[in-house]
Structures are given as C-alpha cells and as structure tokens.
C-alpha cells in the first residue's frame, strides 16, 4: 500500500514536471522573441540618432546662434548628399576600368563627403550630449554654433582654393581680397582648411566642457 502510494506520487510528480515543460519552453521562446525585438529596434534607433540630436538641440538650446546652425547644418548636409548622388554617376563613368586605382577612385567621393558630414553635425551632437548631461550653457552652445559656422566657411574656402582656373571668376565685393588670397594658395591647402575647421570644433567643445 505504501509502495503503491509512493509510486503514484512519483508518477504524478513526473507528470506535473513534464506538463510544466511546455510553459518553460514558452517562456524561453518569449525571451528569444523579446531579444529579437530589441535587436530589430536598435537599427532604426541608430538611424534616427542624428534627427533626435537636431531636434533636441533646436528645442533645448537658449542660443539663437546654435538654433540657426541646426537649420544651416541640415541644409548644407542635404546639399552635400545631393551633390554625391548627382556626381557619382559622372565620377564612375570617368573612372571606368578594372585597375586597382580606378576601383579606389570610385570610393573616394563618398568617403570625402562622409568626412565632411561628420564635423558638420558635430556641434549639434555635442550640444545635445551636453544638455543630456546637464552641462550645457548658453555661452557654450553659442560657441559651438560659431565653430560650426566657421567649419561651413572652411568648406567654402576649400572649394575656392581647389577650383580649377577655368572655373574661377573675378572676385568682387568685400570678400575679394580673401578670395584672391585663396586663389593664390596651392590646391593641396584645400584639404587642410576643413581639417582646421573640424579641429576648432573639438577644441571649443573641450573648453566649453
């Protein structure tokens, strides 16, 4: 009688344990699904990081200089991207070939534009991060905005320095002496000007921090 009771109890316990396994598997499946959903949500979040930084800087900054730079950086960035889209087919056509140099040349233009876009939006990203850390001030926002405008001017100056002679027009107005001086510089200097502008943004952020 006792043996039978022990046997029945053991069988019932095993059956209960077996019956509970699907629930455990369902729980594990739910965990896997949750992890997969989290992985899927990371991709659109990374793509919208810049948009959030632009919106946060525009809303939370008390500096008019920085708020205006948010719009200017977005416009200049859009123009740079459109320039790549329109110029890329011509660039590919001019570098048609199977040599390693031609293959490298095809990837140069997107890399250059990407290198220009990162410092362009750096002031906005810095301001958004400073506000999240509650270390931002109106003066620091204004300084980063001015550094951003200086970087945009450095891009224009680089285009002037690197412009071929047949595309150069006779300068006039207030900026005529500066443009003539830029024409006199070697074309290699066109690479140094945006680099100096980008370094200025980094230095301003370190001082403001």
N, C-alpha and C. Protein backbone atom coordinates (compact mmCIF):
# COMPACT_ATOMS: atom_id res chain seq x y z
N UNK A 1 0.84 -1.20 0.00
CA UNK A 1 0.00 0.00 0.00
C UNK A 1 0.86 1.23 0.00
N UNK A 2 1.89 1.18 0.82
CA UNK A 2 2.79 2.32 0.88
C UNK A 2 3.58 2.45 -0.40
N UNK A 3 4.00 1.25 -0.92
CA UNK A 3 4.77 1.28 -2.19
C UNK A 3 3.92 1.83 -3.30
N UNK A 4 2.66 1.45 -3.33
CA UNK A 4 1.77 1.96 -4.38
C UNK A 4 1.57 3.44 -4.27
N UNK A 5 1.45 3.94 -3.02
CA UNK A 5 1.27 5.38 -2.85
C UNK A 5 2.49 6.14 -3.28
N UNK A 6 3.66 5.56 -2.94
CA UNK A 6 4.90 6.23 -3.35
C UNK A 6 5.02 6.25 -4.85
N UNK A 7 4.67 5.12 -5.48
CA UNK A 7 4.76 5.03 -6.95
C UNK A 7 3.82 6.01 -7.61
N UNK A 8 2.56 6.08 -7.09
CA UNK A 8 1.59 7.01 -7.67
C UNK A 8 2.05 8.45 -7.50
N UNK A 9 2.59 8.75 -6.34
CA UNK A 9 3.04 10.12 -6.09
C UNK A 9 4.20 10.48 -7.00
N UNK A 10 5.09 9.49 -7.20
CA UNK A 10 6.23 9.76 -8.08
C UNK A 10 5.77 10.00 -9.50
N UNK A 11 4.83 9.18 -9.97
CA UNK A 11 4.31 9.32 -11.34
C UNK A 11 3.60 10.66 -11.52
N UNK A 12 2.82 11.03 -10.51
CA UNK A 12 2.10 12.29 -10.61
C UNK A 12 3.07 13.46 -10.63
N UNK A 13 4.16 13.38 -9.81
CA UNK A 13 5.16 14.45 -9.79
C UNK A 13 5.87 14.55 -11.13
N UNK A 14 6.19 13.39 -11.73
CA UNK A 14 6.85 13.40 -13.03
C UNK A 14 5.93 13.96 -14.09
N UNK A 15 4.63 13.59 -14.01
CA UNK A 15 3.68 14.11 -15.00
C UNK A 15 3.54 15.61 -14.87
N UNK A 16 3.53 16.07 -13.61
CA UNK A 16 3.41 17.53 -13.40
C UNK A 16 4.64 18.24 -13.94
N UNK A 17 5.80 17.60 -13.72
CA UNK A 17 7.03 18.22 -14.23
C UNK A 17 7.03 18.24 -15.74
N UNK A 18 6.58 17.13 -16.36
CA UNK A 18 6.51 17.09 -17.83
C UNK A 18 5.51 18.09 -18.35
N UNK A 19 4.41 18.22 -17.64
CA UNK A 19 3.39 19.17 -18.09
C UNK A 19 3.87 20.59 -17.98
N UNK A 20 4.80 20.84 -17.04
CA UNK A 20 5.29 22.21 -16.88
C UNK A 20 6.34 22.59 -17.89
N UNK A 21 6.91 21.62 -18.60
CA UNK A 21 7.99 21.91 -19.54
C UNK A 21 7.55 22.79 -20.70
N UNK A 22 6.37 22.59 -21.32
CA UNK A 22 5.96 23.47 -22.40
C UNK A 22 5.89 24.92 -21.96
N UNK A 23 5.44 25.13 -20.68
CA UNK A 23 5.38 26.51 -20.20
C UNK A 23 6.76 27.11 -20.13
N UNK A 24 7.75 26.25 -19.65
CA UNK A 24 9.11 26.75 -19.58
C UNK A 24 9.64 27.06 -20.96
N UNK A 25 9.32 26.17 -21.93
CA UNK A 25 9.77 26.42 -23.30
C UNK A 25 9.13 27.66 -23.85
N UNK A 26 7.83 27.87 -23.53
CA UNK A 26 7.15 29.07 -24.00
C UNK A 26 7.79 30.31 -23.41
N UNK A 27 8.20 30.18 -22.13
CA UNK A 27 8.87 31.32 -21.51
C UNK A 27 10.18 31.62 -22.20
N UNK A 28 10.94 30.54 -22.50
CA UNK A 28 12.21 30.74 -23.21
C UNK A 28 11.97 31.33 -24.58
N UNK A 29 10.91 30.85 -25.26
CA UNK A 29 10.60 31.39 -26.57
C UNK A 29 10.25 32.86 -26.50
N UNK A 30 9.52 33.23 -25.42
CA UNK A 30 9.17 34.63 -25.26
C UNK A 30 10.40 35.48 -25.03
N UNK A 31 11.38 34.91 -24.30
CA UNK A 31 12.63 35.65 -24.07
C UNK A 31 13.37 35.86 -25.38
N UNK A 32 13.43 34.81 -26.22
CA UNK A 32 14.10 34.91 -27.51
C UNK A 32 13.42 35.96 -28.37
N UNK A 33 12.07 35.94 -28.39
CA UNK A 33 11.34 36.92 -29.19
C UNK A 33 11.59 38.32 -28.71
N UNK A 34 11.66 38.49 -27.38
CA UNK A 34 11.92 39.83 -26.84
C UNK A 34 13.29 40.31 -27.22
N UNK A 35 14.30 39.39 -27.18
CA UNK A 35 15.64 39.77 -27.57
C UNK A 35 15.70 40.13 -29.05
N UNK A 36 14.98 39.37 -29.87
CA UNK A 36 14.96 39.66 -31.30
C UNK A 36 14.31 41.01 -31.57
N UNK A 37 13.23 41.30 -30.84
CA UNK A 37 12.59 42.61 -31.00
C UNK A 37 13.50 43.73 -30.59
N UNK A 38 14.29 43.50 -29.53
CA UNK A 38 15.23 44.54 -29.09
C UNK A 38 16.29 44.78 -30.14
N UNK A 39 16.78 43.68 -30.79
CA UNK A 39 17.79 43.83 -31.84
C UNK A 39 17.23 44.58 -33.03
N UNK A 40 15.94 44.29 -33.38
CA UNK A 40 15.33 44.97 -34.51
C UNK A 40 15.13 46.44 -34.25
N UNK A 41 14.90 46.82 -32.98
CA UNK A 41 14.65 48.21 -32.67
C UNK A 41 15.92 49.05 -32.63
N UNK A 42 17.09 48.36 -32.55
CA UNK A 42 18.34 49.12 -32.48
C UNK A 42 18.67 49.77 -33.81
N UNK A 43 18.33 49.10 -34.93
CA UNK A 43 18.68 49.64 -36.24
C UNK A 43 17.99 50.97 -36.52
N UNK A 44 16.63 51.06 -36.43
CA UNK A 44 16.01 52.37 -36.66
C UNK A 44 16.42 53.40 -35.63
N UNK A 45 16.74 52.97 -34.40
CA UNK A 45 17.17 53.93 -33.39
C UNK A 45 18.49 54.57 -33.78
N UNK A 46 19.42 53.77 -34.35
CA UNK A 46 20.70 54.33 -34.75
C UNK A 46 20.53 55.30 -35.90
N UNK A 47 19.59 55.01 -36.81
CA UNK A 47 19.38 55.91 -37.94
C UNK A 47 18.74 57.22 -37.50
N UNK A 48 17.97 57.21 -36.45
CA UNK A 48 17.29 58.42 -36.01
C UNK A 48 18.07 59.19 -34.96
N UNK A 49 19.30 58.76 -34.65
CA UNK A 49 20.09 59.45 -33.63
C UNK A 49 20.39 60.88 -34.04
N UNK A 50 20.74 61.09 -35.31
CA UNK A 50 21.03 62.43 -35.78
C UNK A 50 19.79 63.31 -35.75
N UNK A 51 18.66 62.74 -36.14
CA UNK A 51 17.43 63.52 -36.11
C UNK A 51 17.04 63.92 -34.70
N UNK A 52 17.26 63.02 -33.74
CA UNK A 52 16.97 63.36 -32.34
C UNK A 52 17.91 64.44 -31.84
N UNK A 53 19.18 64.36 -32.24
CA UNK A 53 20.15 65.38 -31.81
C UNK A 53 19.79 66.74 -32.38
N UNK A 54 19.37 66.77 -33.64
CA UNK A 54 18.96 68.04 -34.25
C UNK A 54 17.75 68.62 -33.53
N UNK A 55 16.76 67.77 -33.26
CA UNK A 55 15.56 68.25 -32.58
C UNK A 55 15.83 68.69 -31.16
N UNK A 56 16.63 67.92 -30.44
CA UNK A 56 16.92 68.28 -29.05
C UNK A 56 17.71 69.58 -28.96
N UNK A 57 18.69 69.76 -29.84
CA UNK A 57 19.49 70.98 -29.82
C UNK A 57 18.62 72.19 -30.16
N UNK A 58 17.72 72.02 -31.11
CA UNK A 58 16.86 73.15 -31.51
C UNK A 58 15.88 73.51 -30.41
N UNK A 59 15.37 72.52 -29.69
CA UNK A 59 14.36 72.79 -28.67
C UNK A 59 14.97 73.30 -27.37
N UNK A 60 16.08 72.70 -26.94
CA UNK A 60 16.58 72.96 -25.60
C UNK A 60 17.62 74.06 -25.52
N UNK A 61 18.25 74.39 -26.63
CA UNK A 61 19.30 75.41 -26.58
C UNK A 61 18.68 76.81 -26.47
N UNK A 62 19.30 77.64 -25.63
CA UNK A 62 18.86 79.03 -25.48
C UNK A 62 19.63 79.97 -26.40
N UNK A 63 20.56 79.43 -27.18
CA UNK A 63 21.37 80.25 -28.07
C UNK A 63 20.73 80.32 -29.45
N UNK A 64 20.49 81.53 -29.92
CA UNK A 64 19.95 81.69 -31.27
C UNK A 64 20.97 81.29 -32.33
N UNK A 65 22.25 81.50 -32.02
CA UNK A 65 23.30 81.12 -32.97
C UNK A 65 23.27 79.61 -33.20
N UNK A 66 23.16 78.86 -32.13
CA UNK A 66 23.14 77.40 -32.26
C UNK A 66 21.86 76.93 -32.93
N UNK A 67 20.73 77.52 -32.55
CA UNK A 67 19.46 77.10 -33.17
C UNK A 67 19.46 77.37 -34.67
N UNK A 68 20.04 78.48 -35.07
CA UNK A 68 20.12 78.76 -36.51
C UNK A 68 21.08 77.80 -37.20
N UNK A 69 22.14 77.41 -36.49
CA UNK A 69 23.09 76.48 -37.09
C UNK A 69 22.47 75.10 -37.29
N UNK A 70 21.52 74.74 -36.47
CA UNK A 70 20.83 73.46 -36.65
C UNK A 70 20.22 73.39 -38.05
N UNK A 71 19.53 74.46 -38.46
CA UNK A 71 18.92 74.50 -39.78
C UNK A 71 19.98 74.58 -40.88
N UNK A 72 21.02 75.38 -40.65
CA UNK A 72 22.07 75.52 -41.67
C UNK A 72 22.81 74.20 -41.88
N UNK A 73 23.13 73.51 -40.80
CA UNK A 73 23.83 72.23 -40.93
C UNK A 73 22.97 71.20 -41.66
N UNK A 74 21.68 71.19 -41.37
CA UNK A 74 20.79 70.26 -42.07
C UNK A 74 20.73 70.58 -43.56
N UNK A 75 20.67 71.87 -43.90
CA UNK A 75 20.61 72.27 -45.31
C UNK A 75 21.92 71.96 -46.03
N UNK A 76 23.04 72.29 -45.42
CA UNK A 76 24.34 72.01 -46.05
C UNK A 76 24.55 70.50 -46.19
N UNK A 77 24.16 69.75 -45.17
CA UNK A 77 24.29 68.30 -45.26
C UNK A 77 23.46 67.72 -46.39
N UNK A 78 22.24 68.25 -46.56
CA UNK A 78 21.39 67.79 -47.66
C UNK A 78 22.01 68.12 -49.01
N UNK A 79 22.59 69.32 -49.13
CA UNK A 79 23.24 69.70 -50.38
C UNK A 79 24.43 68.81 -50.69
N UNK A 80 25.21 68.46 -49.65
CA UNK A 80 26.35 67.58 -49.87
C UNK A 80 25.91 66.20 -50.34
N UNK A 81 24.85 65.68 -49.73
CA UNK A 81 24.36 64.36 -50.13
C UNK A 81 23.83 64.40 -51.56
N UNK A 82 23.09 65.46 -51.91
CA UNK A 82 22.59 65.59 -53.29
C UNK A 82 23.74 65.72 -54.28
N UNK A 83 24.80 66.40 -53.87
CA UNK A 83 25.96 66.53 -54.75
C UNK A 83 26.58 65.17 -55.05
N UNK A 84 26.66 64.33 -54.03
CA UNK A 84 27.20 62.98 -54.24
C UNK A 84 26.31 62.17 -55.16
N UNK A 85 24.99 62.25 -54.92
CA UNK A 85 24.05 61.47 -55.73
C UNK A 85 24.13 61.88 -57.19
N UNK A 86 24.25 63.20 -57.44
CA UNK A 86 24.30 63.67 -58.82
C UNK A 86 25.67 63.48 -59.47
N UNK A 87 26.72 63.57 -58.66
CA UNK A 87 28.07 63.49 -59.23
C UNK A 87 28.59 62.06 -59.31
N UNK A 88 28.01 61.15 -58.57
CA UNK A 88 28.53 59.79 -58.54
C UNK A 88 28.48 59.08 -59.90
N UNK A 89 27.37 59.20 -60.67
CA UNK A 89 27.39 58.55 -62.00
C UNK A 89 28.49 59.10 -62.90
N UNK A 90 28.70 60.42 -62.89
CA UNK A 90 29.77 61.01 -63.70
C UNK A 90 31.13 60.54 -63.22
N UNK A 91 31.28 60.48 -61.91
CA UNK A 91 32.56 60.04 -61.33
C UNK A 91 32.85 58.60 -61.71
N UNK A 92 31.84 57.75 -61.69
CA UNK A 92 32.02 56.33 -62.06
C UNK A 92 32.36 56.22 -63.54
N UNK A 93 31.69 57.04 -64.38
CA UNK A 93 31.95 56.99 -65.82
C UNK A 93 33.38 57.41 -66.15
N UNK A 94 33.90 58.36 -65.39
CA UNK A 94 35.26 58.83 -65.65
C UNK A 94 36.32 57.89 -65.10
N UNK A 95 35.93 57.00 -64.22
CA UNK A 95 36.91 56.06 -63.63
C UNK A 95 36.61 54.63 -64.04
N UNK A 96 36.01 54.47 -65.23
CA UNK A 96 35.69 53.13 -65.71
C UNK A 96 37.00 52.39 -65.99
N UNK A 97 37.09 51.20 -65.50
CA UNK A 97 38.30 50.40 -65.69
C UNK A 97 38.39 49.33 -64.62
N UNK A 98 39.29 48.43 -64.81
CA UNK A 98 39.42 47.31 -63.89
C UNK A 98 40.70 47.39 -63.07
N UNK A 99 41.41 48.47 -63.16
CA UNK A 99 42.62 48.60 -62.37
C UNK A 99 42.28 48.91 -60.92
N UNK A 100 43.22 48.61 -60.06
CA UNK A 100 43.00 48.86 -58.63
C UNK A 100 42.85 50.35 -58.35
N UNK A 101 43.58 51.18 -59.10
CA UNK A 101 43.48 52.63 -58.90
C UNK A 101 42.09 53.14 -59.24
N UNK A 102 41.48 52.63 -60.30
CA UNK A 102 40.14 53.04 -60.67
C UNK A 102 39.11 52.61 -59.63
N UNK A 103 39.29 51.42 -59.09
CA UNK A 103 38.37 50.94 -58.07
C UNK A 103 38.46 51.79 -56.81
N UNK A 104 39.69 52.19 -56.46
CA UNK A 104 39.86 53.05 -55.29
C UNK A 104 39.26 54.42 -55.54
N UNK A 105 39.44 54.94 -56.76
CA UNK A 105 38.93 56.26 -57.10
C UNK A 105 37.41 56.31 -57.00
N UNK A 106 36.72 55.22 -57.30
CA UNK A 106 35.26 55.22 -57.23
C UNK A 106 34.75 55.39 -55.81
N UNK A 107 35.54 54.91 -54.84
CA UNK A 107 35.09 55.04 -53.46
C UNK A 107 35.58 56.28 -52.76
N UNK A 108 36.35 57.12 -53.46
CA UNK A 108 36.91 58.31 -52.81
C UNK A 108 35.84 59.34 -52.54
N UNK A 109 34.97 59.60 -53.50
CA UNK A 109 33.99 60.67 -53.36
C UNK A 109 33.05 60.46 -52.18
N UNK A 110 32.42 59.28 -52.00
CA UNK A 110 31.57 59.10 -50.81
C UNK A 110 32.34 59.23 -49.50
N UNK A 111 33.60 58.78 -49.50
CA UNK A 111 34.39 58.88 -48.27
C UNK A 111 34.67 60.34 -47.93
N UNK A 112 34.97 61.14 -48.95
CA UNK A 112 35.23 62.56 -48.72
C UNK A 112 34.00 63.26 -48.16
N UNK A 113 32.85 62.97 -48.75
CA UNK A 113 31.62 63.61 -48.28
C UNK A 113 31.28 63.16 -46.86
N UNK A 114 31.49 61.89 -46.55
CA UNK A 114 31.26 61.41 -45.19
C UNK A 114 32.19 62.11 -44.20
N UNK A 115 33.44 62.30 -44.62
CA UNK A 115 34.40 63.01 -43.76
C UNK A 115 34.00 64.46 -43.55
N UNK A 116 33.27 65.05 -44.51
CA UNK A 116 32.78 66.41 -44.35
C UNK A 116 31.52 66.47 -43.49
N UNK A 117 30.69 65.44 -43.56
CA UNK A 117 29.42 65.44 -42.83
C UNK A 117 29.62 65.26 -41.32
N UNK A 118 30.60 64.47 -40.94
CA UNK A 118 30.79 64.20 -39.51
C UNK A 118 31.10 65.48 -38.72
N UNK A 119 32.09 66.29 -39.15
CA UNK A 119 32.30 67.55 -38.41
C UNK A 119 31.16 68.55 -38.57
N UNK A 120 30.43 68.45 -39.69
CA UNK A 120 29.32 69.39 -39.91
C UNK A 120 28.26 69.25 -38.82
N UNK A 121 27.95 68.02 -38.44
CA UNK A 121 26.92 67.79 -37.42
C UNK A 121 27.51 67.61 -36.02
N UNK A 122 28.83 67.72 -35.90
CA UNK A 122 29.46 67.56 -34.59
C UNK A 122 28.98 68.60 -33.57
N UNK A 123 28.88 69.90 -33.91
CA UNK A 123 28.38 70.86 -32.91
C UNK A 123 26.99 70.52 -32.39
N UNK A 124 26.12 70.07 -33.28
CA UNK A 124 24.76 69.70 -32.87
C UNK A 124 24.79 68.50 -31.94
N UNK A 125 25.61 67.50 -32.27
CA UNK A 125 25.71 66.32 -31.42
C UNK A 125 26.32 66.67 -30.06
N UNK A 126 27.31 67.53 -30.06
CA UNK A 126 27.92 67.95 -28.80
C UNK A 126 26.91 68.68 -27.92
N UNK A 127 26.15 69.58 -28.51
CA UNK A 127 25.16 70.33 -27.73
C UNK A 127 24.11 69.40 -27.15
N UNK A 128 23.62 68.46 -27.96
CA UNK A 128 22.62 67.51 -27.46
C UNK A 128 23.18 66.69 -26.31
N UNK A 129 24.43 66.25 -26.42
CA UNK A 129 25.03 65.47 -25.33
C UNK A 129 25.24 66.33 -24.09
N UNK A 130 25.66 67.57 -24.26
CA UNK A 130 25.85 68.45 -23.11
C UNK A 130 24.53 68.70 -22.37
N UNK A 131 23.44 68.82 -23.12
CA UNK A 131 22.15 69.03 -22.48
C UNK A 131 21.69 67.77 -21.76
N UNK A 132 21.97 66.60 -22.32
CA UNK A 132 21.61 65.37 -21.61
C UNK A 132 22.39 65.23 -20.32
N UNK A 133 23.63 65.68 -20.31
CA UNK A 133 24.46 65.60 -19.11
C UNK A 133 24.27 66.81 -18.20
N UNK A 134 23.43 67.75 -18.64
CA UNK A 134 23.13 68.96 -17.86
C UNK A 134 24.39 69.78 -17.61
N UNK A 135 25.27 69.82 -18.59
CA UNK A 135 26.48 70.64 -18.50
C UNK A 135 26.46 71.78 -19.50
N UNK A 136 25.39 71.93 -20.26
CA UNK A 136 25.32 72.94 -21.31
C UNK A 136 25.00 74.31 -20.73
N UNK A 137 25.55 75.32 -21.34
CA UNK A 137 25.23 76.71 -21.02
C UNK A 137 24.95 77.44 -22.32
N UNK A 138 24.35 78.60 -22.19
CA UNK A 138 24.05 79.38 -23.40
C UNK A 138 25.33 79.79 -24.11
N UNK A 139 26.36 80.11 -23.33
CA UNK A 139 27.63 80.52 -23.93
C UNK A 139 28.29 79.36 -24.66
N UNK A 140 28.27 78.17 -24.07
CA UNK A 140 28.89 77.02 -24.73
C UNK A 140 28.13 76.65 -26.00
N UNK A 141 26.80 76.74 -25.96
CA UNK A 141 26.02 76.46 -27.17
C UNK A 141 26.35 77.46 -28.27
N UNK A 142 26.46 78.75 -27.89
CA UNK A 142 26.78 79.77 -28.89
C UNK A 142 28.18 79.55 -29.46
N UNK A 143 29.12 79.16 -28.61
CA UNK A 143 30.49 78.92 -29.08
C UNK A 143 30.53 77.75 -30.07
N UNK A 144 29.79 76.70 -29.78
CA UNK A 144 29.75 75.56 -30.70
C UNK A 144 29.04 75.94 -32.00
N UNK A 145 28.01 76.77 -31.91
CA UNK A 145 27.35 77.24 -33.12
C UNK A 145 28.29 78.06 -34.00
N UNK A 146 29.06 78.95 -33.38
CA UNK A 146 30.03 79.74 -34.14
C UNK A 146 31.11 78.86 -34.75
N UNK A 147 31.55 77.85 -34.00
CA UNK A 147 32.54 76.92 -34.54
C UNK A 147 31.96 76.16 -35.74
N UNK A 148 30.67 75.84 -35.67
CA UNK A 148 30.03 75.17 -36.80
C UNK A 148 29.98 76.07 -38.03
N UNK A 149 29.63 77.34 -37.83
CA UNK A 149 29.62 78.28 -38.95
C UNK A 149 31.02 78.44 -39.54
N UNK A 150 32.03 78.45 -38.67
CA UNK A 150 33.40 78.54 -39.16
C UNK A 150 33.77 77.33 -40.00
N UNK A 151 33.27 76.16 -39.61
CA UNK A 151 33.55 74.96 -40.39
C UNK A 151 32.86 75.03 -41.75
N UNK A 152 31.62 75.53 -41.80
CA UNK A 152 30.93 75.68 -43.08
C UNK A 152 31.72 76.63 -43.99
N UNK A 153 32.22 77.72 -43.41
CA UNK A 153 33.04 78.65 -44.20
C UNK A 153 34.32 77.97 -44.67
N UNK A 154 34.89 77.09 -43.86
CA UNK A 154 36.10 76.39 -44.28
C UNK A 154 35.83 75.47 -45.47
N UNK A 155 34.64 74.89 -45.54
CA UNK A 155 34.28 74.07 -46.70
C UNK A 155 34.22 74.94 -47.95
N UNK A 156 33.58 76.11 -47.82
CA UNK A 156 33.52 77.04 -48.96
C UNK A 156 34.92 77.48 -49.38
N UNK A 157 35.76 77.76 -48.39
CA UNK A 157 37.12 78.20 -48.71
C UNK A 157 37.91 77.08 -49.38
N UNK A 158 37.69 75.85 -48.96
CA UNK A 158 38.37 74.72 -49.59
C UNK A 158 37.94 74.57 -51.05
N UNK A 159 36.66 74.80 -51.33
CA UNK A 159 36.19 74.75 -52.72
C UNK A 159 36.82 75.85 -53.55
N UNK A 160 36.98 77.03 -52.96
CA UNK A 160 37.60 78.14 -53.68
C UNK A 160 39.06 77.83 -53.99
N UNK A 161 39.78 77.30 -53.01
CA UNK A 161 41.21 77.01 -53.20
C UNK A 161 41.40 75.92 -54.26
N UNK A 162 40.54 74.91 -54.25
CA UNK A 162 40.72 73.77 -55.16
C UNK A 162 40.04 73.97 -56.51
N UNK A 163 39.39 75.11 -56.74
CA UNK A 163 38.69 75.34 -58.00
C UNK A 163 39.69 75.45 -59.15
N UNK A 164 39.44 74.76 -60.26
CA UNK A 164 40.33 74.89 -61.42
C UNK A 164 40.32 76.32 -61.96
N UNK A 165 41.35 76.68 -62.66
CA UNK A 165 41.50 78.05 -63.16
C UNK A 165 40.36 78.44 -64.10
N UNK A 166 39.88 77.49 -64.91
CA UNK A 166 38.81 77.82 -65.87
C UNK A 166 37.47 78.09 -65.19
N UNK A 167 37.32 77.65 -63.95
CA UNK A 167 36.07 77.87 -63.23
C UNK A 167 36.15 79.05 -62.26
N UNK A 168 37.27 79.71 -62.18
CA UNK A 168 37.43 80.83 -61.26
C UNK A 168 36.92 82.12 -61.90
N UNK A 169 36.12 82.85 -61.13
CA UNK A 169 35.60 84.12 -61.60
C UNK A 169 36.35 85.26 -60.94
N UNK A 170 36.23 86.42 -61.51
CA UNK A 170 36.90 87.59 -60.95
C UNK A 170 36.23 87.99 -59.65
N UNK A 171 36.94 87.96 -58.52
CA UNK A 171 36.30 88.29 -57.24
C UNK A 171 35.97 89.77 -57.15
N UNK A 172 34.89 90.07 -56.43
CA UNK A 172 34.47 91.45 -56.23
C UNK A 172 33.77 91.54 -54.88
N UNK A 173 33.68 92.74 -54.38
CA UNK A 173 33.00 92.96 -53.11
C UNK A 173 33.94 92.92 -51.93
N UNK A 174 33.35 92.76 -50.75
CA UNK A 174 34.13 92.80 -49.52
C UNK A 174 35.09 91.62 -49.42
N UNK A 175 34.66 90.45 -49.90
CA UNK A 175 35.48 89.24 -49.79
C UNK A 175 36.49 89.09 -50.92
N UNK A 176 36.60 90.07 -51.78
CA UNK A 176 37.52 89.96 -52.92
C UNK A 176 38.96 89.71 -52.49
N UNK A 177 39.52 90.45 -51.51
CA UNK A 177 40.91 90.16 -51.11
C UNK A 177 41.08 88.74 -50.56
N UNK A 178 40.11 88.26 -49.78
CA UNK A 178 40.22 86.91 -49.22
C UNK A 178 40.14 85.86 -50.32
N UNK A 179 39.29 86.08 -51.32
CA UNK A 179 39.16 85.11 -52.41
C UNK A 179 40.41 85.10 -53.27
N UNK A 180 40.98 86.28 -53.52
CA UNK A 180 42.22 86.34 -54.29
C UNK A 180 43.36 85.63 -53.56
N UNK A 181 43.41 85.80 -52.24
CA UNK A 181 44.43 85.09 -51.46
C UNK A 181 44.21 83.58 -51.51
N UNK A 182 42.94 83.16 -51.50
CA UNK A 182 42.64 81.72 -51.59
C UNK A 182 43.03 81.17 -52.96
N UNK A 183 42.81 81.96 -54.03
CA UNK A 183 43.23 81.52 -55.37
C UNK A 183 44.74 81.32 -55.45
N UNK A 184 45.49 82.12 -54.70
CA UNK A 184 46.95 82.05 -54.76
C UNK A 184 47.51 80.85 -54.01
N UNK A 185 46.72 80.22 -53.17
CA UNK A 185 47.21 79.07 -52.39
C UNK A 185 47.29 77.83 -53.27
N UNK A 186 48.22 76.92 -52.98
CA UNK A 186 48.25 75.63 -53.69
C UNK A 186 46.99 74.82 -53.42
N UNK A 187 46.63 73.98 -54.38
CA UNK A 187 45.40 73.19 -54.26
C UNK A 187 45.45 72.24 -53.07
N UNK A 188 46.65 71.85 -52.65
CA UNK A 188 46.77 70.93 -51.53
C UNK A 188 46.25 71.54 -50.24
N UNK A 189 46.26 72.86 -50.14
CA UNK A 189 45.78 73.54 -48.95
C UNK A 189 44.27 73.36 -48.75
N UNK A 190 43.58 72.97 -49.81
CA UNK A 190 42.14 72.77 -49.69
C UNK A 190 41.79 71.64 -48.73
N UNK A 191 42.72 70.71 -48.53
CA UNK A 191 42.49 69.62 -47.57
C UNK A 191 42.72 70.08 -46.14
N UNK A 192 43.65 71.01 -45.97
CA UNK A 192 44.00 71.45 -44.62
C UNK A 192 42.94 72.35 -44.00
N UNK A 193 42.24 73.13 -44.84
CA UNK A 193 41.28 74.11 -44.31
C UNK A 193 40.13 73.43 -43.57
N UNK A 194 39.43 72.43 -44.15
CA UNK A 194 38.36 71.76 -43.38
C UNK A 194 38.88 71.02 -42.16
N UNK A 195 40.11 70.50 -42.23
CA UNK A 195 40.67 69.82 -41.07
C UNK A 195 40.85 70.79 -39.91
N UNK A 196 41.33 71.99 -40.21
CA UNK A 196 41.47 73.00 -39.17
C UNK A 196 40.11 73.41 -38.61
N UNK A 197 39.11 73.50 -39.50
CA UNK A 197 37.76 73.82 -39.02
C UNK A 197 37.20 72.75 -38.11
N UNK A 198 37.45 71.48 -38.43
CA UNK A 198 36.98 70.37 -37.58
C UNK A 198 37.70 70.36 -36.25
N UNK A 199 39.01 70.62 -36.27
CA UNK A 199 39.76 70.66 -35.02
C UNK A 199 39.29 71.82 -34.13
N UNK A 200 38.86 72.91 -34.74
CA UNK A 200 38.33 74.03 -33.97
C UNK A 200 37.09 73.62 -33.18
N UNK A 201 36.23 72.82 -33.80
CA UNK A 201 35.02 72.35 -33.11
C UNK A 201 35.40 71.50 -31.90
N UNK A 202 36.38 70.62 -32.07
CA UNK A 202 36.80 69.76 -30.97
C UNK A 202 37.38 70.59 -29.83
N UNK A 203 38.19 71.58 -30.17
CA UNK A 203 38.81 72.43 -29.15
C UNK A 203 37.75 73.22 -28.40
N UNK A 204 36.77 73.77 -29.12
CA UNK A 204 35.69 74.53 -28.47
C UNK A 204 34.89 73.65 -27.53
N UNK A 205 34.63 72.41 -27.93
CA UNK A 205 33.90 71.51 -27.07
C UNK A 205 34.67 71.20 -25.81
N UNK A 206 35.97 71.00 -25.92
CA UNK A 206 36.79 70.70 -24.75
C UNK A 206 36.83 71.90 -23.80
N UNK A 207 36.92 73.10 -24.36
CA UNK A 207 36.94 74.29 -23.50
C UNK A 207 35.58 74.50 -22.85
N UNK A 208 34.53 74.31 -23.62
CA UNK A 208 33.18 74.52 -23.08
C UNK A 208 32.82 73.47 -22.05
N UNK A 209 33.40 72.28 -22.16
CA UNK A 209 33.08 71.20 -21.23
C UNK A 209 33.71 71.45 -19.85
